[in-house]
Amino acid sequence: MVERRGARLEVRGLAKTFPGDGVPIVALERADLIAAPGEFVVVIGPSGCGKSTLFHILAGLTQPSAGEVRFDGQIVENRLGACAFMPQRDGLLPWRRTIDNVTVGLELSGMRRAAARERARPLLARFGLAGFEDAWPWQLSGGMRQRAAFLRTVLLGKPAMLLDEPFGALDGITRAQLQEWLLDVWGEVGSTVLLITHDVAEAVFLADRVYVMTPRPGRVAAVIEIELPRPRTLAIEESAQFGAYEARLRELLREHAWAGGDAQPSSSGSSGSALHSVSEPS
């Protein structure tokens, strides 16, 4: 059993409107989300539904138009640096070798380069980068670049990590391998993880809980608790229960495809909160 030691993260009534060409663009509208300490939470939804905007708000890169973000029960206004954030692109700097790419976050936080390297070196083998410490980014495969970007994120030591489609640009075989690898590493790190994906099977395989978002303006249409046993291997994708979760999520995405901001969260609960789960497959 993974020790749950990450941050409890809560989003309440989050909204974001951007100025448009005469007409404001509502990216998020009354979005609610919760992640318990050490949970792996996945957000799925169509392109343009505000998933990345949500992560940018959580990371402190932009401010919401309304709503609040809480870490461990406390409202956090200045969130910059509160979470470790891995964007869609690996962001490796072409003029820095692997060892110095994975330590760039530590250096920016004030750690000396020698100390940052010392912290990173013992982890290189676990992240599949042993022997490539001095390689340039162009010498790394796509999977290695993503592992380097994830190591850079983990080294920050934050209690919550935001992963924005980390495997979206990879081929299917590499993607599947890294999904399994990610769960292994997360099991060791124990942080709270929020991940964005367009891949329904990936969401089921990784998540404790999946949030399904509507098209813009983005709202939470449904919440699914994934009660598959851990630790998980790719073999679980052949199970009937896995297939039932995948089918349910695809059904929800189709159901809310044109609903937009008119959608209401699917719920089996009876309290007033928007954060209820739909019935899980048996």
Protein backbone atom coordinates (compact mmCIF):
# COMPACT_ATOMS: atom_id res chain seq x y z
CA MET A 1 0.00 0.00 0.00
CA VAL A 2 1.41 3.40 -1.01
CA GLU A 3 1.92 5.80 1.87
CA ARG A 4 -0.26 8.81 1.08
CA ARG A 5 1.91 11.76 1.98
CA GLY A 6 1.21 14.36 -0.71
CA ALA A 7 -0.90 17.49 -0.44
CA ARG A 8 -4.66 17.54 -0.30
CA LEU A 9 -5.70 19.72 -3.22
CA GLU A 10 -9.15 21.30 -3.57
CA VAL A 11 -10.62 23.43 -6.35
CA ARG A 12 -13.94 25.13 -5.66
CA GLY A 13 -16.02 27.06 -8.20
CA LEU A 14 -12.98 27.86 -10.33
CA ALA A 15 -13.63 30.08 -13.35
CA LYS A 16 -11.44 31.78 -15.92
CA THR A 17 -12.45 34.27 -18.59
CA PHE A 18 -10.01 35.64 -21.15
CA PRO A 19 -10.55 38.85 -23.11
CA GLY A 20 -11.51 38.11 -26.69
CA ASP A 21 -11.94 40.17 -29.84
CA GLY A 22 -15.01 42.00 -28.55
CA VAL A 23 -16.42 38.85 -26.90
CA PRO A 24 -14.88 37.42 -23.70
CA ILE A 25 -13.80 33.76 -23.87
CA VAL A 26 -14.99 31.70 -20.91
CA ALA A 27 -12.44 28.89 -20.57
CA LEU A 28 -13.54 27.51 -17.18
CA GLU A 29 -16.86 27.87 -15.39
CA ARG A 30 -17.51 26.72 -11.81
CA ALA A 31 -15.05 23.80 -11.97
CA ASP A 32 -14.73 21.68 -8.81
CA LEU A 33 -12.05 19.09 -8.11
CA ILE A 34 -10.48 17.35 -5.14
CA ALA A 35 -7.38 15.16 -4.76
CA ALA A 36 -6.62 13.46 -1.45
CA PRO A 37 -3.04 13.08 -0.20
CA GLY A 38 -1.12 10.63 -2.38
CA GLU A 39 -3.93 10.13 -4.89
CA PHE A 40 -3.50 9.86 -8.65
CA VAL A 41 -6.23 11.97 -10.25
CA VAL A 42 -6.77 12.25 -14.01
CA VAL A 43 -8.65 14.95 -15.93
CA ILE A 44 -10.01 14.15 -19.39
CA GLY A 45 -12.09 16.14 -21.84
CA PRO A 46 -12.11 17.46 -25.41
CA SER A 47 -9.49 19.86 -26.72
CA GLY A 48 -10.15 23.42 -25.65
CA CYS A 49 -12.21 22.49 -22.58
CA GLY A 50 -9.92 24.34 -20.17
CA LYS A 51 -7.83 21.45 -18.82
CA SER A 52 -4.51 23.20 -19.36
CA THR A 53 -5.99 26.48 -18.10
CA LEU A 54 -6.95 24.66 -14.91
CA PHE A 55 -3.37 23.42 -14.50
CA HIS A 56 -1.93 26.86 -15.22
CA ILE A 57 -4.09 28.25 -12.41
CA LEU A 58 -3.01 25.49 -10.02
CA ALA A 59 0.63 26.12 -10.91
CA GLY A 60 0.24 29.85 -10.30
CA LEU A 61 1.00 30.79 -13.91
CA THR A 62 -2.33 32.61 -14.20
CA GLN A 63 -4.99 33.77 -11.78
CA PRO A 64 -8.63 32.61 -11.80
CA SER A 65 -11.49 34.99 -12.49
CA ALA A 66 -13.45 33.38 -9.66
CA GLY A 67 -13.25 30.50 -7.22
CA GLU A 68 -10.56 29.27 -4.88
CA VAL A 69 -7.70 26.79 -4.64
CA ARG A 70 -6.85 25.16 -1.31
CA PHE A 71 -3.80 23.17 -0.30
CA ASP A 72 -4.31 21.14 2.87
CA GLY A 73 -7.38 23.19 3.69
CA GLN A 74 -5.73 26.59 3.29
CA ILE A 75 -6.60 29.02 0.49
CA VAL A 76 -3.43 29.75 -1.48
CA GLU A 77 -3.36 33.00 -3.44
CA ASN A 78 0.31 32.90 -4.47
CA ARG A 79 0.60 29.38 -5.90
CA LEU A 80 3.74 29.84 -7.96
CA GLY A 81 6.05 27.04 -6.87
CA ALA A 82 3.48 25.30 -4.67
CA CYS A 83 3.20 22.42 -7.17
CA ALA A 84 5.72 20.83 -9.50
CA PHE A 85 4.45 21.34 -13.06
CA MET A 86 5.41 19.27 -16.11
CA PRO A 87 3.92 20.82 -19.28
CA GLN A 88 3.07 19.00 -22.51
CA ARG A 89 6.50 19.53 -24.09
CA ASP A 90 9.53 18.17 -22.28
CA GLY A 91 11.16 21.60 -22.30
CA LEU A 92 14.72 20.24 -22.27
CA LEU A 93 17.23 23.00 -22.95
CA PRO A 94 19.33 22.14 -26.03
CA TRP A 95 22.47 23.77 -24.56
CA ARG A 96 22.39 21.69 -21.36
CA ARG A 97 23.34 18.03 -21.01
CA THR A 98 20.95 15.53 -19.38
CA ILE A 99 22.33 15.93 -15.84
CA ASP A 100 22.01 19.70 -16.04
CA ASN A 101 18.57 19.58 -17.64
CA VAL A 102 17.14 17.48 -14.81
CA THR A 103 18.63 19.82 -12.19
CA VAL A 104 17.59 23.12 -13.74
CA GLY A 105 14.60 23.49 -11.38
CA LEU A 106 16.81 22.96 -8.33
CA GLU A 107 19.26 25.55 -9.59
CA LEU A 108 16.49 28.06 -10.21
CA SER A 109 15.35 27.51 -6.64
CA GLY A 110 18.81 28.55 -5.42
CA MET A 111 20.73 25.29 -5.13
CA ARG A 112 24.31 25.26 -6.38
CA ARG A 113 24.88 23.21 -9.53
CA ALA A 114 27.27 20.79 -7.83
CA ALA A 115 24.76 20.07 -5.03
CA ALA A 116 21.93 19.68 -7.54
CA ARG A 117 23.95 17.18 -9.56
CA GLU A 118 24.76 15.24 -6.40
CA ARG A 119 21.05 14.98 -5.60
CA ALA A 120 20.13 13.88 -9.12
CA ARG A 121 22.83 11.29 -9.88
CA PRO A 122 21.47 8.48 -7.64
CA LEU A 123 18.11 8.72 -9.42
CA LEU A 124 19.32 8.58 -13.01
CA ALA A 125 19.30 4.78 -13.17
CA ARG A 126 15.78 4.56 -11.72
CA PHE A 127 14.60 6.95 -14.42
CA GLY A 128 16.27 4.98 -17.21
CA LEU A 129 18.97 7.58 -17.83
CA ALA A 130 22.10 5.84 -16.52
CA GLY A 131 24.94 6.27 -19.00
CA PHE A 132 23.27 9.30 -20.58
CA GLU A 133 24.22 11.86 -17.95
CA ASP A 134 26.32 13.82 -20.43
CA ALA A 135 24.10 13.32 -23.48
CA TRP A 136 22.57 16.30 -25.26
CA PRO A 137 18.76 16.37 -25.61
CA TRP A 138 18.97 15.57 -29.33
CA GLN A 139 20.76 12.32 -28.46
CA LEU A 140 17.85 11.06 -26.31
CA SER A 141 14.83 9.10 -27.52
CA GLY A 142 11.35 10.52 -26.98
CA GLY A 143 10.78 8.27 -24.00
CA MET A 144 14.09 9.24 -22.44
CA ARG A 145 13.32 12.92 -22.88
CA GLN A 146 10.02 12.45 -21.05
CA ARG A 147 11.70 10.53 -18.24
CA ALA A 148 14.25 13.33 -17.92
CA ALA A 149 11.45 15.88 -17.76
CA PHE A 150 9.69 13.83 -15.09
CA LEU A 151 12.89 13.47 -13.05
CA ARG A 152 13.28 17.25 -13.22
CA THR A 153 9.73 17.50 -11.83
CA VAL A 154 10.27 14.92 -9.07
CA LEU A 155 13.54 16.51 -7.94
CA LEU A 156 11.67 19.65 -6.91
CA GLY A 157 10.27 17.62 -4.02
CA LYS A 158 6.81 19.19 -4.08
CA PRO A 159 3.89 17.38 -2.39
CA ALA A 160 1.77 17.73 -5.55
CA MET A 161 2.71 17.26 -9.22
CA LEU A 162 0.80 18.47 -12.28
CA LEU A 163 1.45 16.45 -15.46
CA ASP A 164 -0.08 17.93 -18.62
CA GLU A 165 -0.31 15.14 -21.24
CA PRO A 166 3.21 13.88 -20.53
CA PHE A 167 2.99 11.01 -23.06
CA GLY A 168 0.84 12.65 -25.74
CA ALA A 169 3.57 12.89 -28.38
CA LEU A 170 4.90 9.34 -27.98
CA ASP A 171 4.22 6.23 -30.04
CA GLY A 172 1.82 3.66 -28.61
CA ILE A 173 4.44 1.14 -27.47
CA THR A 174 6.63 3.72 -25.72
CA ARG A 175 3.56 5.33 -24.21
CA ALA A 176 2.35 2.05 -22.71
CA GLN A 177 5.79 1.30 -21.28
CA LEU A 178 6.02 4.73 -19.67
CA GLN A 179 2.53 4.49 -18.19
CA GLU A 180 3.55 1.37 -16.28
CA TRP A 181 6.88 2.92 -15.35
CA LEU A 182 5.15 6.08 -14.11
CA LEU A 183 2.96 4.10 -11.72
CA ASP A 184 6.02 2.34 -10.32
CA VAL A 185 7.83 5.63 -9.70
CA TRP A 186 4.71 7.29 -8.27
CA GLY A 187 4.38 4.35 -5.89
CA GLU A 188 7.86 5.16 -4.57
CA VAL A 189 7.45 8.95 -4.47
CA GLY A 190 3.94 8.97 -2.96
CA SER A 191 3.07 12.52 -4.11
CA THR A 192 -0.39 13.70 -5.05
CA VAL A 193 -0.53 13.61 -8.87
CA LEU A 194 -2.94 15.34 -11.24
CA LEU A 195 -2.58 14.34 -14.90
CA ILE A 196 -4.28 15.53 -18.08
CA THR A 197 -4.83 13.12 -20.97
CA HIS A 198 -7.02 12.64 -24.04
CA ASP A 199 -6.47 8.88 -23.85
CA VAL A 200 -9.38 7.14 -22.08
CA ALA A 201 -7.48 3.87 -21.55
CA GLU A 202 -4.57 5.80 -20.07
CA ALA A 203 -6.94 7.53 -17.67
CA VAL A 204 -8.38 4.23 -16.44
CA PHE A 205 -4.97 2.60 -16.10
CA LEU A 206 -3.39 5.40 -14.07
CA ALA A 207 -6.14 6.94 -11.99
CA ASP A 208 -7.71 6.59 -8.59
CA ARG A 209 -10.31 9.07 -9.81
CA VAL A 210 -11.17 10.52 -13.23
CA TYR A 211 -12.79 13.91 -13.80
CA VAL A 212 -14.65 14.26 -17.11
CA MET A 213 -14.92 17.83 -18.39
CA THR A 214 -17.36 19.39 -20.83
CA PRO A 215 -16.41 21.37 -23.91
CA ARG A 216 -15.77 25.08 -23.32
CA PRO A 217 -16.71 26.55 -20.97
CA GLY A 218 -15.11 23.73 -19.03
CA ARG A 219 -17.04 22.27 -16.15
CA VAL A 220 -16.90 18.90 -14.41
CA ALA A 221 -19.50 16.71 -16.08
CA ALA A 222 -18.81 13.53 -14.09
CA VAL A 223 -16.46 11.94 -11.61
CA ILE A 224 -15.52 8.25 -11.79
CA GLU A 225 -13.79 6.39 -8.97
CA ILE A 226 -11.47 3.75 -10.49
CA GLU A 227 -11.50 0.81 -8.10
CA LEU A 228 -8.94 -1.38 -9.83
CA PRO A 229 -6.35 -3.09 -7.62
CA ARG A 230 -2.85 -1.70 -7.25
CA PRO A 231 -0.10 -2.25 -8.16
CA ARG A 232 -1.25 -2.33 -11.79
CA THR A 233 0.40 -3.79 -14.85
CA LEU A 234 -0.65 -3.47 -18.47
CA ALA A 235 -2.26 -6.91 -18.24
CA ILE A 236 -5.15 -5.34 -16.33
CA GLU A 237 -6.30 -3.67 -19.55
CA GLU A 238 -7.55 -7.08 -20.68
CA SER A 239 -9.95 -7.40 -17.72
CA ALA A 240 -13.70 -6.98 -18.01
CA GLN A 241 -13.70 -4.38 -15.23
CA PHE A 242 -11.13 -2.26 -17.06
CA GLY A 243 -13.22 -2.46 -20.23
CA ALA A 244 -16.33 -1.43 -18.31
CA TYR A 245 -14.62 1.69 -16.93
CA GLU A 246 -13.30 2.57 -20.38
CA ALA A 247 -16.73 2.15 -21.96
CA ARG A 248 -18.36 4.28 -19.26
CA LEU A 249 -15.89 7.12 -19.75
CA ARG A 250 -16.36 7.06 -23.52
CA GLU A 251 -20.11 7.14 -22.99
CA LEU A 252 -19.79 10.17 -20.71
CA LEU A 253 -17.58 11.99 -23.21
CA ARG A 254 -20.16 11.37 -25.96
CA GLU A 255 -23.05 12.32 -23.67
CA HIS A 256 -21.53 15.69 -22.82
CA ALA A 257 -19.91 16.35 -26.21
CA TRP A 258 -22.24 19.23 -27.01
CA ALA A 259 -23.44 20.08 -23.52
CA GLY A 260 -20.78 22.66 -22.72
CA GLY A 261 -21.61 24.85 -19.74
CA ASP A 262 -25.14 23.46 -19.49
CA ALA A 263 -23.88 20.11 -18.28
CA GLN A 264 -24.41 19.10 -14.67
CA PRO A 265 -22.07 16.67 -12.90
CA SER A 266 -23.29 13.08 -13.04
CA SER A 267 -23.82 11.94 -9.48
CA SER A 268 -25.05 9.08 -7.37
CA GLY A 269 -24.84 11.13 -4.17
CA SER A 270 -27.54 13.21 -2.54
CA SER A 271 -25.67 16.05 -0.84
CA GLY A 272 -25.30 19.49 -2.38
CA SER A 273 -21.70 19.16 -3.44
CA ALA A 274 -20.78 18.90 -7.10
CA LEU A 275 -18.07 16.42 -6.21
CA HIS A 276 -19.92 13.10 -6.41
CA SER A 277 -18.96 9.95 -8.25
CA VAL A 278 -21.06 8.07 -10.75
CA SER A 279 -21.67 4.42 -10.06
CA GLU A 280 -18.61 2.33 -10.76
CA PRO A 281 -18.62 -0.73 -13.02
CA SER A 282 -18.81 -3.97 -11.14
